Amino acid sequence: MSQDKNFVSTSGLLSQNGRRVLVTGAASGIGKAMALRFADAGADCLLLDIDAPGLQSMASELQSKGSRVSIAKVDLRSKSQIDAFWAE
């Protein structure tokens, strides 16, 4: 299969190198999928979820791929936890 000389790789278009993203619900489902995609694109990830073991597992998975990851257990239904997260 020949490569069109005007072909642009999506990896270049979707690069997140040097960016930091915050992903909520990152321990499972859509949040996990988003965290994986952002990490694959080169972003540093700050992962939030109420599932602490799931967050730790996700962080380990991304770190094993070379991503810089921070995690925080936050229940987004709780204003006091959200306020405490931002204050930190």
N, C-alpha and C. Protein backbone atom coordinates (compact mmCIF):
# COMPACT_ATOMS: atom_id res chain seq x y z
N MET A 1 0.84 -1.17 0.00
CA MET A 1 0.00 0.00 0.00
C MET A 1 0.89 1.24 0.00
N SER A 2 0.70 2.13 -0.94
CA SER A 2 1.54 3.32 -1.03
C SER A 2 1.02 4.40 -0.10
N GLN A 3 1.94 5.20 0.39
CA GLN A 3 1.61 6.28 1.32
C GLN A 3 1.41 7.58 0.53
N ASP A 4 0.30 8.22 0.71
CA ASP A 4 0.03 9.51 0.06
C ASP A 4 0.98 10.54 0.66
N LYS A 5 1.65 11.34 -0.20
CA LYS A 5 2.60 12.32 0.31
C LYS A 5 1.93 13.42 1.12
N ASN A 6 0.61 13.57 1.00
CA ASN A 6 -0.13 14.56 1.78
C ASN A 6 -0.70 14.00 3.08
N PHE A 7 -0.41 12.72 3.33
CA PHE A 7 -0.92 12.06 4.53
C PHE A 7 -0.29 12.69 5.77
N VAL A 8 -1.12 13.00 6.76
CA VAL A 8 -0.65 13.54 8.03
C VAL A 8 -0.99 12.54 9.13
N SER A 9 -0.01 12.15 9.89
CA SER A 9 -0.22 11.21 10.98
C SER A 9 -1.08 11.84 12.07
N THR A 10 -2.06 11.08 12.58
CA THR A 10 -2.89 11.61 13.66
C THR A 10 -2.11 11.75 14.96
N SER A 11 -1.03 11.00 15.12
CA SER A 11 -0.25 11.13 16.36
C SER A 11 0.33 12.53 16.48
N GLY A 12 0.73 13.11 15.37
CA GLY A 12 1.24 14.48 15.39
C GLY A 12 0.14 15.49 15.66
N LEU A 13 -1.02 15.25 15.10
CA LEU A 13 -2.14 16.17 15.30
C LEU A 13 -2.68 16.11 16.72
N LEU A 14 -2.58 14.96 17.34
CA LEU A 14 -3.16 14.76 18.67
C LEU A 14 -2.14 14.84 19.79
N SER A 15 -0.94 15.29 19.50
CA SER A 15 0.11 15.33 20.50
C SER A 15 -0.29 16.22 21.68
N GLN A 16 -0.06 15.72 22.87
CA GLN A 16 -0.32 16.46 24.10
C GLN A 16 0.96 16.64 24.90
N ASN A 17 2.11 16.47 24.24
CA ASN A 17 3.40 16.63 24.91
C ASN A 17 3.49 17.99 25.59
N GLY A 18 3.92 17.99 26.84
CA GLY A 18 4.06 19.23 27.58
C GLY A 18 2.79 19.76 28.19
N ARG A 19 1.70 19.04 28.03
CA ARG A 19 0.42 19.47 28.60
C ARG A 19 0.08 18.62 29.81
N ARG A 20 -0.72 19.17 30.69
CA ARG A 20 -1.19 18.45 31.86
C ARG A 20 -2.70 18.41 31.79
N VAL A 21 -3.27 17.22 31.96
CA VAL A 21 -4.72 17.07 31.89
C VAL A 21 -5.26 16.52 33.20
N LEU A 22 -6.47 16.92 33.54
CA LEU A 22 -7.17 16.40 34.70
C LEU A 22 -8.31 15.54 34.16
N VAL A 23 -8.36 14.29 34.61
CA VAL A 23 -9.39 13.36 34.14
C VAL A 23 -10.18 12.88 35.35
N THR A 24 -11.49 13.11 35.33
CA THR A 24 -12.35 12.62 36.41
C THR A 24 -12.89 11.24 36.05
N GLY A 25 -13.20 10.47 37.06
CA GLY A 25 -13.71 9.12 36.83
C GLY A 25 -12.66 8.24 36.17
N ALA A 26 -11.40 8.47 36.49
CA ALA A 26 -10.28 7.86 35.77
C ALA A 26 -10.01 6.40 36.11
N ALA A 27 -10.67 5.85 37.12
CA ALA A 27 -10.39 4.47 37.51
C ALA A 27 -11.09 3.45 36.63
N SER A 28 -12.11 3.88 35.88
CA SER A 28 -12.85 2.92 35.05
C SER A 28 -13.62 3.65 33.95
N GLY A 29 -14.17 2.87 33.06
CA GLY A 29 -15.07 3.39 32.04
C GLY A 29 -14.46 4.43 31.11
N ILE A 30 -15.27 5.44 30.79
CA ILE A 30 -14.85 6.48 29.86
C ILE A 30 -13.67 7.28 30.42
N GLY A 31 -13.68 7.55 31.71
CA GLY A 31 -12.56 8.28 32.32
C GLY A 31 -11.25 7.54 32.14
N LYS A 32 -11.27 6.23 32.34
CA LYS A 32 -10.07 5.42 32.16
C LYS A 32 -9.61 5.46 30.70
N ALA A 33 -10.57 5.33 29.79
CA ALA A 33 -10.23 5.38 28.36
C ALA A 33 -9.62 6.72 28.00
N MET A 34 -10.16 7.80 28.53
CA MET A 34 -9.62 9.13 28.25
C MET A 34 -8.21 9.28 28.81
N ALA A 35 -8.00 8.79 30.03
CA ALA A 35 -6.66 8.87 30.64
C ALA A 35 -5.64 8.10 29.80
N LEU A 36 -6.02 6.92 29.33
CA LEU A 36 -5.12 6.14 28.49
C LEU A 36 -4.78 6.88 27.20
N ARG A 37 -5.76 7.49 26.57
CA ARG A 37 -5.53 8.23 25.32
C ARG A 37 -4.65 9.45 25.55
N PHE A 38 -4.94 10.22 26.59
CA PHE A 38 -4.12 11.39 26.88
C PHE A 38 -2.68 10.98 27.19
N ALA A 39 -2.50 9.93 27.97
CA ALA A 39 -1.16 9.46 28.29
C ALA A 39 -0.43 8.99 27.03
N ASP A 40 -1.13 8.26 26.18
CA ASP A 40 -0.54 7.81 24.91
C ASP A 40 -0.12 8.99 24.05
N ALA A 41 -0.85 10.11 24.16
CA ALA A 41 -0.54 11.31 23.38
C ALA A 41 0.56 12.15 24.03
N GLY A 42 1.05 11.72 25.21
CA GLY A 42 2.19 12.39 25.84
C GLY A 42 1.86 13.34 26.98
N ALA A 43 0.59 13.44 27.37
CA ALA A 43 0.21 14.36 28.44
C ALA A 43 0.59 13.80 29.81
N ASP A 44 0.89 14.72 30.74
CA ASP A 44 0.98 14.36 32.15
C ASP A 44 -0.46 14.31 32.65
N CYS A 45 -0.79 13.31 33.47
CA CYS A 45 -2.18 13.10 33.87
C CYS A 45 -2.38 13.26 35.36
N LEU A 46 -3.39 14.02 35.72
CA LEU A 46 -3.87 14.12 37.09
C LEU A 46 -5.21 13.40 37.10
N LEU A 47 -5.27 12.26 37.80
CA LEU A 47 -6.44 11.39 37.78
C LEU A 47 -7.24 11.52 39.06
N LEU A 48 -8.55 11.69 38.94
CA LEU A 48 -9.45 11.79 40.08
C LEU A 48 -10.50 10.69 40.00
N ASP A 49 -10.85 10.15 41.16
CA ASP A 49 -11.92 9.16 41.26
C ASP A 49 -12.18 8.90 42.73
N ILE A 50 -13.30 8.26 43.03
CA ILE A 50 -13.58 7.87 44.41
C ILE A 50 -13.02 6.48 44.71
N ASP A 51 -12.61 5.76 43.68
CA ASP A 51 -12.09 4.40 43.78
C ASP A 51 -10.57 4.44 43.93
N ALA A 52 -10.08 4.52 45.18
CA ALA A 52 -8.64 4.64 45.43
C ALA A 52 -7.83 3.46 44.86
N PRO A 53 -8.26 2.21 45.08
CA PRO A 53 -7.49 1.10 44.50
C PRO A 53 -7.47 1.15 42.96
N GLY A 54 -8.59 1.51 42.37
CA GLY A 54 -8.65 1.64 40.91
C GLY A 54 -7.74 2.74 40.40
N LEU A 55 -7.69 3.86 41.13
CA LEU A 55 -6.79 4.95 40.76
C LEU A 55 -5.34 4.50 40.81
N GLN A 56 -4.98 3.79 41.88
CA GLN A 56 -3.59 3.33 42.02
C GLN A 56 -3.23 2.36 40.90
N SER A 57 -4.14 1.48 40.56
CA SER A 57 -3.91 0.54 39.47
C SER A 57 -3.72 1.28 38.14
N MET A 58 -4.56 2.26 37.90
CA MET A 58 -4.47 3.04 36.67
C MET A 58 -3.16 3.82 36.63
N ALA A 59 -2.78 4.42 37.74
CA ALA A 59 -1.52 5.17 37.80
C ALA A 59 -0.33 4.25 37.49
N SER A 60 -0.35 3.05 38.07
CA SER A 60 0.74 2.10 37.82
C SER A 60 0.80 1.72 36.34
N GLU A 61 -0.36 1.51 35.73
CA GLU A 61 -0.41 1.15 34.32
C GLU A 61 0.18 2.26 33.45
N LEU A 62 -0.21 3.50 33.73
CA LEU A 62 0.29 4.61 32.92
C LEU A 62 1.77 4.87 33.18
N GLN A 63 2.19 4.75 34.44
CA GLN A 63 3.61 4.95 34.75
C GLN A 63 4.48 3.90 34.10
N SER A 64 3.98 2.68 33.97
CA SER A 64 4.76 1.62 33.32
C SER A 64 4.97 1.92 31.84
N LYS A 65 4.13 2.80 31.28
CA LYS A 65 4.27 3.22 29.89
C LYS A 65 5.10 4.50 29.77
N GLY A 66 5.60 5.00 30.91
CA GLY A 66 6.45 6.19 30.90
C GLY A 66 5.73 7.50 31.15
N SER A 67 4.46 7.46 31.51
CA SER A 67 3.69 8.69 31.75
C SER A 67 3.92 9.21 33.16
N ARG A 68 3.85 10.53 33.30
CA ARG A 68 3.89 11.16 34.62
C ARG A 68 2.45 11.27 35.10
N VAL A 69 2.19 10.72 36.29
CA VAL A 69 0.81 10.61 36.78
C VAL A 69 0.73 11.03 38.24
N SER A 70 -0.31 11.78 38.56
CA SER A 70 -0.67 12.10 39.93
C SER A 70 -2.11 11.63 40.13
N ILE A 71 -2.44 11.24 41.35
CA ILE A 71 -3.80 10.79 41.62
C ILE A 71 -4.36 11.49 42.85
N ALA A 72 -5.68 11.60 42.90
CA ALA A 72 -6.36 12.16 44.06
C ALA A 72 -7.72 11.48 44.20
N LYS A 73 -7.98 10.98 45.41
CA LYS A 73 -9.29 10.39 45.70
C LYS A 73 -10.22 11.54 46.06
N VAL A 74 -11.18 11.79 45.18
CA VAL A 74 -12.13 12.89 45.37
C VAL A 74 -13.52 12.40 44.96
N ASP A 75 -14.48 12.65 45.82
CA ASP A 75 -15.87 12.38 45.51
C ASP A 75 -16.47 13.67 44.96
N LEU A 76 -16.72 13.71 43.66
CA LEU A 76 -17.20 14.94 43.02
C LEU A 76 -18.64 15.28 43.38
N ARG A 77 -19.28 14.43 44.17
CA ARG A 77 -20.62 14.77 44.67
C ARG A 77 -20.52 15.61 45.93
N SER A 78 -19.29 15.75 46.46
CA SER A 78 -19.08 16.45 47.72
C SER A 78 -18.36 17.77 47.49
N LYS A 79 -19.08 18.88 47.71
CA LYS A 79 -18.47 20.19 47.52
C LYS A 79 -17.26 20.38 48.43
N SER A 80 -17.34 19.87 49.64
CA SER A 80 -16.21 20.04 50.57
C SER A 80 -14.96 19.29 50.06
N GLN A 81 -15.15 18.12 49.46
CA GLN A 81 -14.00 17.40 48.91
C GLN A 81 -13.43 18.12 47.68
N ILE A 82 -14.30 18.67 46.86
CA ILE A 82 -13.84 19.43 45.70
C ILE A 82 -13.06 20.66 46.16
N ASP A 83 -13.62 21.39 47.13
CA ASP A 83 -12.94 22.58 47.66
C ASP A 83 -11.58 22.22 48.25
N ALA A 84 -11.54 21.11 48.99
CA ALA A 84 -10.28 20.66 49.60
C ALA A 84 -9.26 20.29 48.53
N PHE A 85 -9.72 19.64 47.46
CA PHE A 85 -8.83 19.27 46.36
C PHE A 85 -8.21 20.52 45.74
N TRP A 86 -9.02 21.52 45.42
CA TRP A 86 -8.50 22.74 44.78
C TRP A 86 -7.62 23.53 45.73
N ALA A 87 -7.94 23.50 47.02
CA ALA A 87 -7.12 24.23 48.01
C ALA A 87 -5.73 23.60 48.13
N GLU A 88 -5.67 22.29 47.94
CA GLU A 88 -4.40 21.56 48.04
C GLU A 88 -3.53 21.90 46.85
